N, C-alpha and C. Protein backbone atom coordinates (compact mmCIF):
# COMPACT_ATOMS: atom_id res chain seq x y z
N MET A 1 -9.82 -6.34 -14.00
CA MET A 1 -9.38 -7.73 -13.54
C MET A 1 -8.45 -8.40 -14.02
N GLU A 2 -7.01 -8.27 -13.28
CA GLU A 2 -5.89 -9.61 -14.03
C GLU A 2 -6.18 -11.09 -14.11
N ILE A 3 -5.57 -11.79 -14.85
CA ILE A 3 -5.22 -13.11 -15.41
C ILE A 3 -5.64 -14.05 -14.19
N ARG A 4 -4.67 -13.00 -13.32
CA ARG A 4 -4.72 -13.93 -12.13
C ARG A 4 -5.84 -14.38 -11.00
N GLU A 5 -6.56 -13.02 -11.03
CA GLU A 5 -7.31 -12.74 -10.51
C GLU A 5 -8.70 -13.62 -11.06
N ILE A 6 -8.43 -13.43 -12.51
CA ILE A 6 -9.88 -14.21 -13.27
C ILE A 6 -9.79 -15.81 -12.60
N LEU A 7 -8.33 -16.40 -12.78
CA LEU A 7 -8.04 -17.98 -12.56
C LEU A 7 -8.83 -17.91 -11.03
N ALA A 8 -8.08 -17.21 -10.22
CA ALA A 8 -8.85 -17.14 -8.91
C ALA A 8 -10.21 -17.02 -8.60
N HIS A 9 -10.96 -16.45 -9.09
CA HIS A 9 -12.39 -16.49 -9.57
C HIS A 9 -13.04 -17.38 -9.90
N ASN A 10 -12.98 -18.02 -11.10
CA ASN A 10 -13.24 -19.16 -11.44
C ASN A 10 -12.77 -20.66 -11.44
N LEU A 11 -11.69 -20.27 -11.17
CA LEU A 11 -11.28 -21.96 -9.83
C LEU A 11 -12.32 -21.97 -8.89
N ARG A 12 -12.27 -21.14 -7.76
CA ARG A 12 -12.89 -20.80 -6.72
C ARG A 12 -14.97 -21.31 -6.77
N THR A 13 -15.29 -20.73 -7.99
CA THR A 13 -16.44 -20.66 -8.12
C THR A 13 -16.74 -22.09 -8.85
N GLN A 14 -15.80 -22.80 -9.43
CA GLN A 14 -16.37 -23.63 -10.57
C GLN A 14 -16.31 -25.07 -9.63
N ARG A 15 -15.21 -24.90 -8.84
CA ARG A 15 -14.64 -25.67 -7.40
C ARG A 15 -15.92 -25.71 -6.28
N ARG A 16 -16.59 -24.53 -6.11
CA ARG A 16 -17.64 -25.07 -5.02
C ARG A 16 -18.84 -25.19 -5.92
N ALA A 17 -18.90 -25.08 -6.80
CA ALA A 17 -20.19 -25.27 -7.57
C ALA A 17 -20.39 -26.95 -7.55
N ARG A 18 -19.29 -27.43 -7.50
CA ARG A 18 -19.33 -28.82 -7.25
C ARG A 18 -19.00 -29.67 -6.44
N GLY A 19 -18.90 -28.85 -5.33
CA GLY A 19 -19.43 -29.17 -3.82
C GLY A 19 -17.46 -29.99 -3.29
N LEU A 20 -16.61 -29.54 -3.97
CA LEU A 20 -15.41 -29.80 -3.70
C LEU A 20 -14.74 -28.75 -2.77
N SER A 21 -14.04 -29.62 -1.74
CA SER A 21 -13.55 -28.52 -1.20
C SER A 21 -11.57 -28.72 -1.97
N GLN A 22 -11.11 -27.58 -1.38
CA GLN A 22 -9.47 -27.64 -1.94
C GLN A 22 -8.60 -28.61 -2.14
N GLU A 23 -8.58 -29.61 -1.08
CA GLU A 23 -8.05 -30.98 -0.53
C GLU A 23 -8.36 -31.37 -1.72
N GLU A 24 -9.93 -31.77 -1.68
CA GLU A 24 -10.65 -32.91 -3.26
C GLU A 24 -9.62 -32.70 -3.94
N LEU A 25 -9.91 -31.34 -4.45
CA LEU A 25 -9.59 -31.04 -5.90
C LEU A 25 -8.14 -31.23 -6.25
N ALA A 26 -7.67 -30.40 -5.48
CA ALA A 26 -6.13 -30.99 -4.90
C ALA A 26 -5.57 -32.73 -5.46
N HIS A 27 -6.37 -33.69 -4.82
CA HIS A 27 -6.22 -34.66 -4.97
C HIS A 27 -6.56 -35.40 -6.21
N ARG A 28 -7.38 -34.88 -6.66
CA ARG A 28 -7.98 -35.09 -8.14
C ARG A 28 -7.09 -34.98 -8.83
N ALA A 29 -6.26 -33.71 -8.74
CA ALA A 29 -5.76 -32.95 -9.95
C ALA A 29 -4.22 -33.28 -10.01
N GLY A 30 -3.71 -33.98 -8.54
CA GLY A 30 -2.36 -34.43 -8.26
C GLY A 30 -1.31 -32.96 -8.27
N ILE A 31 -2.33 -31.98 -7.36
CA ILE A 31 -1.27 -31.13 -7.15
C ILE A 31 -1.53 -30.71 -5.52
N ASP A 32 -0.88 -30.16 -4.52
CA ASP A 32 -0.41 -30.34 -3.14
C ASP A 32 -1.97 -28.69 -3.40
N ARG A 33 -1.99 -29.28 -1.89
CA ARG A 33 -3.37 -28.16 -1.85
C ARG A 33 -3.26 -26.97 -1.19
N THR A 34 -2.33 -26.52 -0.48
CA THR A 34 -1.58 -25.00 -0.44
C THR A 34 -1.58 -24.89 -2.10
N TYR A 35 -1.16 -24.98 -2.87
CA TYR A 35 -1.15 -24.62 -4.38
C TYR A 35 -2.45 -24.51 -4.36
N ILE A 36 -3.49 -24.72 -4.76
CA ILE A 36 -4.66 -24.92 -4.70
C ILE A 36 -5.28 -23.48 -4.47
N SER A 37 -5.18 -23.44 -2.99
CA SER A 37 -5.47 -22.08 -2.26
C SER A 37 -4.28 -21.06 -2.53
N SER A 38 -3.59 -21.39 -2.78
CA SER A 38 -2.19 -20.05 -3.44
C SER A 38 -3.11 -19.62 -4.93
N LEU A 39 -3.13 -20.64 -5.26
CA LEU A 39 -4.34 -19.91 -6.96
C LEU A 39 -5.02 -19.34 -6.61
N GLU A 40 -6.04 -19.60 -5.98
CA GLU A 40 -7.70 -19.33 -5.25
C GLU A 40 -7.49 -17.70 -4.95
N ARG A 41 -6.16 -17.32 -3.78
CA ARG A 41 -5.87 -16.13 -3.38
C ARG A 41 -5.15 -15.34 -4.16
N SER A 42 -4.54 -15.71 -5.95
CA SER A 42 -4.13 -14.59 -7.19
C SER A 42 -2.62 -14.65 -6.07
N VAL A 43 -1.95 -15.75 -5.47
CA VAL A 43 -0.39 -15.59 -5.07
C VAL A 43 0.24 -16.24 -6.36
N TYR A 44 -0.09 -16.98 -6.88
CA TYR A 44 0.61 -17.33 -7.89
C TYR A 44 -0.17 -17.34 -9.35
N ALA A 45 1.06 -17.66 -10.23
CA ALA A 45 0.36 -17.37 -11.66
C ALA A 45 0.64 -19.19 -11.96
N ALA A 46 -0.66 -19.66 -12.37
CA ALA A 46 -0.28 -21.40 -12.71
C ALA A 46 -0.28 -21.70 -14.48
N GLY A 47 0.70 -22.66 -14.12
CA GLY A 47 1.23 -23.10 -16.15
C GLY A 47 -0.01 -23.50 -16.62
N ILE A 48 -0.16 -23.61 -17.88
CA ILE A 48 -0.85 -24.29 -18.54
C ILE A 48 -1.25 -25.49 -18.21
N ASP A 49 0.09 -26.39 -17.56
CA ASP A 49 -0.35 -28.03 -17.95
C ASP A 49 -1.46 -28.05 -16.38
N VAL A 50 -1.18 -27.41 -15.37
CA VAL A 50 -2.21 -26.84 -14.35
C VAL A 50 -3.17 -27.02 -14.61
N VAL A 51 -3.90 -25.64 -15.25
CA VAL A 51 -4.88 -24.82 -15.57
C VAL A 51 -5.55 -26.03 -16.18
N ASP A 52 -4.77 -27.09 -17.38
CA ASP A 52 -5.64 -28.04 -18.02
C ASP A 52 -6.22 -29.09 -16.63
N SER A 53 -5.43 -29.80 -15.47
CA SER A 53 -5.64 -30.24 -15.40
C SER A 53 -6.74 -29.98 -14.32
N LEU A 54 -7.02 -28.95 -14.18
CA LEU A 54 -7.75 -28.53 -12.60
C LEU A 54 -8.92 -28.52 -13.41
N ALA A 55 -8.84 -28.00 -14.85
CA ALA A 55 -10.27 -27.75 -15.79
C ALA A 55 -11.24 -29.48 -15.82
N LYS A 56 -9.90 -30.37 -16.36
CA LYS A 56 -10.51 -32.10 -16.67
C LYS A 56 -10.92 -32.02 -15.39
N VAL A 57 -10.28 -32.51 -13.92
CA VAL A 57 -10.76 -32.27 -12.91
C VAL A 57 -12.29 -31.10 -12.94
N LEU A 58 -12.62 -30.26 -13.14
CA LEU A 58 -14.29 -29.88 -13.27
C LEU A 58 -15.23 -30.24 -13.67
N GLY A 59 -14.40 -30.32 -15.14
CA GLY A 59 -15.51 -30.96 -15.99
C GLY A 59 -15.78 -29.65 -16.73
N VAL A 60 -14.49 -29.03 -16.63
CA VAL A 60 -14.83 -27.57 -18.20
C VAL A 60 -13.76 -27.81 -18.93
N GLU A 61 -13.39 -26.63 -20.01
CA GLU A 61 -12.51 -26.53 -20.49
C GLU A 61 -10.97 -25.57 -20.02
N ALA A 62 -10.14 -25.94 -20.68
CA ALA A 62 -9.21 -24.66 -19.83
C ALA A 62 -9.67 -23.23 -20.25
N ALA A 63 -9.67 -23.14 -21.09
CA ALA A 63 -10.49 -21.81 -21.36
C ALA A 63 -11.66 -21.32 -20.81
N ASP A 64 -12.50 -21.86 -20.25
CA ASP A 64 -12.96 -21.45 -19.58
C ASP A 64 -12.92 -21.07 -18.02
N LEU A 65 -11.89 -21.50 -18.08
CA LEU A 65 -11.06 -21.34 -16.41
C LEU A 65 -10.63 -19.72 -16.42
N LEU A 66 -10.47 -19.39 -17.93
CA LEU A 66 -9.41 -17.91 -17.74
C LEU A 66 -10.19 -17.07 -18.75
N LYS A 67 -11.75 -17.21 -18.76
CA LYS A 67 -12.54 -16.39 -19.03
C LYS A 67 -13.21 -15.21 -17.71
N LYS A 68 -13.20 -14.05 -18.35
CA LYS A 68 -13.36 -12.81 -17.39
C LYS A 68 -14.80 -13.32 -17.27
N PRO A 69 -15.16 -13.17 -16.06
CA PRO A 69 -16.64 -13.10 -15.25
C PRO A 69 -17.36 -11.97 -16.19
N ASP A 70 -18.70 -12.39 -16.35
CA ASP A 70 -19.70 -11.23 -17.19
C ASP A 70 -19.91 -10.84 -15.84
N THR A 71 -19.75 -9.02 -16.48
CA THR A 71 -20.19 -7.90 -15.07
C THR A 71 -21.28 -7.52 -15.10
N ALA A 72 -22.04 -7.71 -15.61
CA ALA A 72 -23.88 -7.77 -15.52
C ALA A 72 -23.84 -8.95 -14.13
N LEU A 73 -23.60 -10.28 -14.24
CA LEU A 73 -24.11 -10.47 -13.39
C LEU A 73 -23.25 -10.57 -12.04
N ARG A 74 -22.66 -10.10 -12.10
CA ARG A 74 -21.97 -9.04 -10.39
C ARG A 74 -22.04 -8.15 -10.25
N ARG A 75 -23.04 -7.19 -11.39
CA ARG A 75 -23.50 -5.69 -10.63
C ARG A 75 -24.65 -6.16 -9.73
N ARG A 76 -24.38 -4.93 -8.65
CA ARG A 76 -25.32 -5.19 -7.62
C ARG A 76 -26.24 -4.32 -8.10
N ARG A 77 -27.45 -4.94 -7.25
CA ARG A 77 -28.88 -3.92 -7.31
C ARG A 77 -29.24 -3.29 -6.23
N SER A 78 -29.88 -2.02 -6.96
CA SER A 78 -30.27 -1.23 -6.26
C SER A 78 -31.65 -1.85 -5.40
N PRO A 79 -32.23 -1.31 -3.94
CA PRO A 79 -33.52 -1.51 -3.79
C PRO A 79 -34.37 -1.70 -4.25
N GLY A 80 -34.95 -1.02 -5.46
CA GLY A 80 -35.93 -0.79 -6.20
C GLY A 80 -35.63 -1.74 -7.47
N GLY A 81 -34.70 -2.76 -7.28
CA GLY A 81 -34.78 -3.95 -8.23
C GLY A 81 -33.93 -4.16 -9.32
N SER A 82 -33.40 -2.91 -9.97
CA SER A 82 -33.01 -2.35 -11.02
C SER A 82 -31.53 -2.31 -10.81
N PRO A 83 -30.55 -2.67 -11.78
CA PRO A 83 -28.90 -2.46 -11.63
C PRO A 83 -28.99 -1.58 -11.54
N LYS A 84 -28.31 -1.24 -10.70
CA LYS A 84 -26.96 0.03 -10.35
C LYS A 84 -26.16 0.31 -11.70
N THR A 85 -26.02 1.65 -12.32
CA THR A 85 -25.75 1.63 -13.53
C THR A 85 -23.96 2.69 -13.20
């Protein structure tokens, strides 16, 4: 997973967890809504100041938006309930 994909995943996850639309997040962070959409689709690489602004609005550390998601949480489970390997 590349850094743009990691940011996109974490940004989308954090935004949705807080019940914010892309438009509301953009407004609070002083960023254009289409830029938020582009970040969530891995189109653009965000500058450090943008990452910091988004993190502040979301109530997380900037580093949290750049951490690779835990693959164990994303692992699909087999019908028997145990994780696939």
